[in-house]
């Protein structure tokens, strides 16, 4: 499955949590967040949950992150970037 947004990760995490029969309360406790936070995250209302939190959630659910190159290096070098070094 290709996930390209925080909302996509939220949906994936919710689907997997449900498939494993974990309640929001139980999973939030394991993840170290409040149930309210998890509800908002799963509903796409947390804009920046933090990369470490997403990685931890995936790990707890028996999932892993696979990184693949999607554009060529030449194309990336040709795109203007923001002051933070990301493409504009």
C-alpha atoms as a PDB file:
ATOM      1  CA  UNK A   1       0.000   0.000   0.000  1.00  0.00           C
ATOM      2  CA  UNK A   2       1.296   3.442  -0.881  1.00  0.00           C
ATOM      3  CA  UNK A   3       0.572   6.121   1.714  1.00  0.00           C
ATOM      4  CA  UNK A   4       1.456   9.714   0.876  1.00  0.00           C
ATOM      5  CA  UNK A   5      -0.170  11.801   3.592  1.00  0.00           C
ATOM      6  CA  UNK A   6      -0.737  12.007   7.331  1.00  0.00           C
ATOM      7  CA  UNK A   7      -4.430  11.312   6.685  1.00  0.00           C
ATOM      8  CA  UNK A   8      -3.440   8.159   4.790  1.00  0.00           C
ATOM      9  CA  UNK A   9      -1.361   6.940   7.742  1.00  0.00           C
ATOM     10  CA  UNK A  10      -4.243   7.710  10.081  1.00  0.00           C
ATOM     11  CA  UNK A  11      -6.616   5.597   7.984  1.00  0.00           C
ATOM     12  CA  UNK A  12      -4.107   2.757   7.714  1.00  0.00           C
ATOM     13  CA  UNK A  13      -3.489   2.782  11.469  1.00  0.00           C
ATOM     14  CA  UNK A  14      -7.220   2.832  12.249  1.00  0.00           C
ATOM     15  CA  UNK A  15      -7.912  -0.053   9.837  1.00  0.00           C
ATOM     16  CA  UNK A  16      -5.092  -2.180  11.246  1.00  0.00           C
ATOM     17  CA  UNK A  17      -6.027  -1.398  14.875  1.00  0.00           C
ATOM     18  CA  UNK A  18      -9.597  -2.484  14.205  1.00  0.00           C
ATOM     19  CA  UNK A  19      -8.486  -5.600  12.308  1.00  0.00           C
ATOM     20  CA  UNK A  20      -6.420  -6.604  15.351  1.00  0.00           C
ATOM     21  CA  UNK A  21      -9.389  -6.008  17.640  1.00  0.00           C
ATOM     22  CA  UNK A  22      -7.688  -3.256  19.635  1.00  0.00           C
ATOM     23  CA  UNK A  23      -9.884  -0.597  21.198  1.00  0.00           C
ATOM     24  CA  UNK A  24      -8.917   3.041  20.924  1.00  0.00           C
ATOM     25  CA  UNK A  25      -8.359   3.094  24.670  1.00  0.00           C
ATOM     26  CA  UNK A  26      -6.013   0.080  24.642  1.00  0.00           C
ATOM     27  CA  UNK A  27      -4.056   1.257  21.617  1.00  0.00           C
ATOM     28  CA  UNK A  28      -3.740   4.828  22.910  1.00  0.00           C
ATOM     29  CA  UNK A  29      -2.287   3.456  26.159  1.00  0.00           C
ATOM     30  CA  UNK A  30       0.274   1.359  24.270  1.00  0.00           C
ATOM     31  CA  UNK A  31       1.158   4.287  22.026  1.00  0.00           C
ATOM     32  CA  UNK A  32       1.500   6.674  24.959  1.00  0.00           C
ATOM     33  CA  UNK A  33      -1.168   9.150  23.839  1.00  0.00           C
ATOM     34  CA  UNK A  34      -4.625  10.039  25.105  1.00  0.00           C
ATOM     35  CA  UNK A  35      -7.711   8.380  23.667  1.00  0.00           C
ATOM     36  CA  UNK A  36      -8.922  11.851  22.605  1.00  0.00           C
ATOM     37  CA  UNK A  37      -5.686  12.409  20.637  1.00  0.00           C
ATOM     38  CA  UNK A  38      -6.040   9.022  18.929  1.00  0.00           C
ATOM     39  CA  UNK A  39      -9.654   9.749  17.991  1.00  0.00           C
ATOM     40  CA  UNK A  40      -8.642  13.077  16.451  1.00  0.00           C
ATOM     41  CA  UNK A  41      -5.644  11.523  14.679  1.00  0.00           C
ATOM     42  CA  UNK A  42      -7.724   8.695  13.205  1.00  0.00           C
ATOM     43  CA  UNK A  43     -10.258  11.260  11.983  1.00  0.00           C
ATOM     44  CA  UNK A  44      -7.570  13.289  10.198  1.00  0.00           C
ATOM     45  CA  UNK A  45      -7.665  16.229  12.618  1.00  0.00           C
ATOM     46  CA  UNK A  46      -4.006  16.072  13.740  1.00  0.00           C
ATOM     47  CA  UNK A  47      -1.919  17.888  11.133  1.00  0.00           C
ATOM     48  CA  UNK A  48       1.478  16.933  12.521  1.00  0.00           C
ATOM     49  CA  UNK A  49       1.401  13.843  14.750  1.00  0.00           C
ATOM     50  CA  UNK A  50       5.182  13.534  14.644  1.00  0.00           C
ATOM     51  CA  UNK A  51       7.193  11.051  12.640  1.00  0.00           C
ATOM     52  CA  UNK A  52       8.282   9.112  15.727  1.00  0.00           C
ATOM     53  CA  UNK A  53       4.648   8.654  16.785  1.00  0.00           C
ATOM     54  CA  UNK A  54       3.673   7.293  13.377  1.00  0.00           C
ATOM     55  CA  UNK A  55       6.670   4.935  13.341  1.00  0.00           C
ATOM     56  CA  UNK A  56       5.838   3.728  16.850  1.00  0.00           C
ATOM     57  CA  UNK A  57       2.181   3.163  15.926  1.00  0.00           C
ATOM     58  CA  UNK A  58       3.179   1.172  12.842  1.00  0.00           C
ATOM     59  CA  UNK A  59       5.591  -0.926  14.913  1.00  0.00           C
ATOM     60  CA  UNK A  60       2.960  -1.667  17.559  1.00  0.00           C
ATOM     61  CA  UNK A  61       0.584  -2.818  14.810  1.00  0.00           C
ATOM     62  CA  UNK A  62       3.163  -5.080  13.164  1.00  0.00           C
ATOM     63  CA  UNK A  63       3.662  -2.784  10.176  1.00  0.00           C
ATOM     64  CA  UNK A  64       6.808  -1.211   8.754  1.00  0.00           C
ATOM     65  CA  UNK A  65       7.680   1.761   6.575  1.00  0.00           C
ATOM     66  CA  UNK A  66       9.233   1.127   3.148  1.00  0.00           C
ATOM     67  CA  UNK A  67      10.913   4.105   1.481  1.00  0.00           C
ATOM     68  CA  UNK A  68      11.242   4.165  -2.313  1.00  0.00           C
ATOM     69  CA  UNK A  69      12.526   6.721  -4.776  1.00  0.00           C
ATOM     70  CA  UNK A  70       9.601   8.238  -6.693  1.00  0.00           C
ATOM     71  CA  UNK A  71      11.351  10.873  -8.827  1.00  0.00           C
ATOM     72  CA  UNK A  72      14.768  10.964 -10.421  1.00  0.00           C
ATOM     73  CA  UNK A  73      17.624  12.787  -8.752  1.00  0.00           C
ATOM     74  CA  UNK A  74      17.999  15.022 -11.849  1.00  0.00           C
ATOM     75  CA  UNK A  75      14.400  16.209 -11.481  1.00  0.00           C
ATOM     76  CA  UNK A  76      14.859  16.937  -7.777  1.00  0.00           C
ATOM     77  CA  UNK A  77      18.022  18.947  -8.459  1.00  0.00           C
ATOM     78  CA  UNK A  78      16.184  21.032 -11.071  1.00  0.00           C
ATOM     79  CA  UNK A  79      13.266  21.978  -8.787  1.00  0.00           C
ATOM     80  CA  UNK A  80      13.523  25.220  -6.808  1.00  0.00           C
ATOM     81  CA  UNK A  81      13.674  24.601  -3.083  1.00  0.00           C
ATOM     82  CA  UNK A  82      12.448  26.430  -0.030  1.00  0.00           C
ATOM     83  CA  UNK A  83      14.828  27.887   2.584  1.00  0.00           C
ATOM     84  CA  UNK A  84      14.459  24.615   4.543  1.00  0.00           C
ATOM     85  CA  UNK A  85      15.800  22.666   1.565  1.00  0.00           C
ATOM     86  CA  UNK A  86      12.463  21.152   0.567  1.00  0.00           C
ATOM     87  CA  UNK A  87      11.003  21.590  -2.917  1.00  0.00           C
ATOM     88  CA  UNK A  88       8.909  24.758  -3.061  1.00  0.00           C
END
